[in-house]
Amino acid sequence: MRERPSNRELHRKLKQASEAAAARRIRVLEPDSVLADLLDLDYPVANLAMDLPAVFEEIGPRDYRGQSPPKKSYEKAILGSELFAFRWVSKVFGCRMYLKFTVKKQDLWIVSLHRDRSN
């Protein structure tokens, strides 16, 4: 049996997320936390909706750092949705970044978006 998620599944999830971002169907699970993390980067938060499609262009299946199979959310708004986590070097943010998201009912839900904190 193949391990999940496959490269094909990751391509599909990234495409769904990119399309939702391009259509500005973006939700943030914990806005205060994401806002604080973006402010730490000196990133203009007002640019996020505009920049997210480019962010998803930077990420590929090779950047997946989530669990296999993907962990399911226990947060009420996205309960049971699979979470996809990626770590990559971002040109948009100018540093190594970490992003965890899900797509639910064609909306992109950002769970975490911050500078990579791994060693």
Protein backbone atom coordinates (compact mmCIF):
# COMPACT_ATOMS: atom_id res chain seq x y z
CA MET A 1 0.00 0.00 0.00
CA ARG A 2 1.32 3.44 -0.93
CA GLU A 3 1.96 6.06 1.66
CA ARG A 4 -0.35 9.05 1.73
CA PRO A 5 -0.21 11.70 0.57
CA SER A 6 1.14 10.81 -2.85
CA ASN A 7 2.85 13.37 -5.09
CA ARG A 8 -0.30 13.41 -7.22
CA GLU A 9 -2.48 14.14 -4.17
CA LEU A 10 -0.10 16.91 -3.06
CA HIS A 11 -0.16 18.47 -6.55
CA ARG A 12 -3.97 18.40 -6.43
CA LYS A 13 -4.12 19.98 -2.94
CA LEU A 14 -1.67 22.72 -3.90
CA LYS A 15 -3.68 23.41 -7.06
CA GLN A 16 -6.94 23.61 -5.08
CA ALA A 17 -5.30 25.96 -2.57
CA SER A 18 -3.83 28.12 -5.32
CA GLU A 19 -7.19 28.38 -7.09
CA ALA A 20 -8.95 29.32 -3.84
CA ALA A 21 -6.25 31.93 -3.14
CA ALA A 22 -6.54 33.37 -6.65
CA ALA A 23 -10.33 33.62 -6.19
CA ARG A 24 -9.73 35.29 -2.79
CA ARG A 25 -11.59 32.49 -0.98
CA ILE A 26 -9.18 32.72 1.95
CA ARG A 27 -9.96 32.07 5.61
CA VAL A 28 -7.52 32.21 8.50
CA LEU A 29 -8.13 29.86 11.41
CA GLU A 30 -6.38 32.01 14.06
CA PRO A 31 -6.01 35.50 12.58
CA ASP A 32 -4.20 37.02 15.59
CA SER A 33 -1.50 34.35 15.54
CA VAL A 34 -0.93 34.56 11.77
CA LEU A 35 -0.95 38.36 11.92
CA ALA A 36 1.69 38.37 14.68
CA ASP A 37 3.87 35.93 12.71
CA LEU A 38 3.64 38.06 9.54
CA LEU A 39 4.42 41.24 11.49
CA ASP A 40 7.55 39.51 12.85
CA LEU A 41 8.66 39.18 9.22
CA ASP A 42 8.01 42.90 8.54
CA TYR A 43 5.59 41.63 5.89
CA PRO A 44 2.75 43.98 4.90
CA VAL A 45 -0.29 41.92 5.93
CA ALA A 46 -2.49 43.80 3.44
CA ASN A 47 -0.50 42.08 0.65
CA LEU A 48 -1.31 38.52 1.77
CA ALA A 49 -4.38 37.91 -0.41
CA MET A 50 -2.53 39.30 -3.43
CA ASP A 51 0.68 37.31 -2.74
CA LEU A 52 -0.81 33.91 -1.83
CA PRO A 53 -1.13 32.66 -5.43
CA ALA A 54 2.61 33.35 -5.92
CA VAL A 55 3.36 31.60 -2.62
CA PHE A 56 1.61 28.46 -3.87
CA GLU A 57 3.66 28.63 -7.08
CA GLU A 58 6.81 28.37 -4.94
CA ILE A 59 5.70 25.19 -3.16
CA GLY A 60 5.86 21.67 -4.57
CA PRO A 61 5.21 18.13 -3.29
CA ARG A 62 8.92 17.84 -2.37
CA ASP A 63 8.31 20.52 0.29
CA TYR A 64 5.66 18.49 2.17
CA ARG A 65 6.47 18.24 5.88
CA GLY A 66 3.13 17.03 7.22
CA GLN A 67 2.22 13.65 8.60
CA SER A 68 1.57 10.52 6.57
CA PRO A 69 -1.35 10.14 6.32
CA PRO A 70 -2.26 13.81 6.79
CA LYS A 71 -3.44 14.70 10.28
CA LYS A 72 -7.09 15.72 10.64
CA SER A 73 -8.06 18.98 12.28
CA TYR A 74 -9.84 19.04 15.62
CA GLU A 75 -10.69 22.76 15.30
CA LYS A 76 -14.45 23.34 15.02
CA ALA A 77 -14.38 25.43 11.80
CA ILE A 78 -12.43 22.77 9.88
CA LEU A 79 -13.21 19.69 11.98
CA GLY A 80 -12.08 16.50 10.28
CA SER A 81 -10.33 18.29 7.40
CA GLU A 82 -6.90 16.95 6.45
CA LEU A 83 -4.02 19.32 7.18
CA PHE A 84 -1.17 19.78 4.70
CA ALA A 85 2.09 21.29 5.97
CA PHE A 86 4.96 22.57 3.82
CA ARG A 87 8.39 24.06 4.45
CA TRP A 88 10.20 25.90 1.65
CA VAL A 89 12.45 28.85 0.83
CA SER A 90 10.12 31.67 -0.16
CA LYS A 91 10.98 34.50 -2.51
CA VAL A 92 7.73 36.25 -1.54
CA PHE A 93 8.65 36.34 2.17
CA GLY A 94 12.43 36.33 1.70
CA CYS A 95 13.14 33.46 4.08
CA ARG A 96 12.45 29.81 4.84
CA MET A 97 8.73 29.51 5.61
CA TYR A 98 6.25 27.04 7.08
CA LEU A 99 2.63 26.84 5.90
CA LYS A 100 -0.12 24.53 7.12
CA PHE A 101 -3.48 24.66 5.35
CA THR A 102 -6.59 22.78 4.36
CA VAL A 103 -9.17 23.30 1.65
CA LYS A 104 -12.78 22.97 2.82
CA LYS A 105 -15.77 23.63 0.56
CA GLN A 106 -13.47 25.38 -1.94
CA ASP A 107 -12.14 27.79 0.71
CA LEU A 108 -8.46 27.91 1.58
CA TRP A 109 -8.02 27.76 5.34
CA ILE A 110 -4.63 28.93 6.60
CA VAL A 111 -3.81 27.20 9.88
CA SER A 112 -0.18 28.35 10.23
CA LEU A 113 2.00 30.69 8.21
CA HIS A 114 5.32 31.77 9.68
CA ARG A 115 9.09 31.71 9.40
CA ASP A 116 10.32 28.11 9.63
CA ARG A 117 11.16 27.35 13.25
CA SER A 118 12.74 23.93 12.73
CA ASN A 119 16.46 23.41 13.21
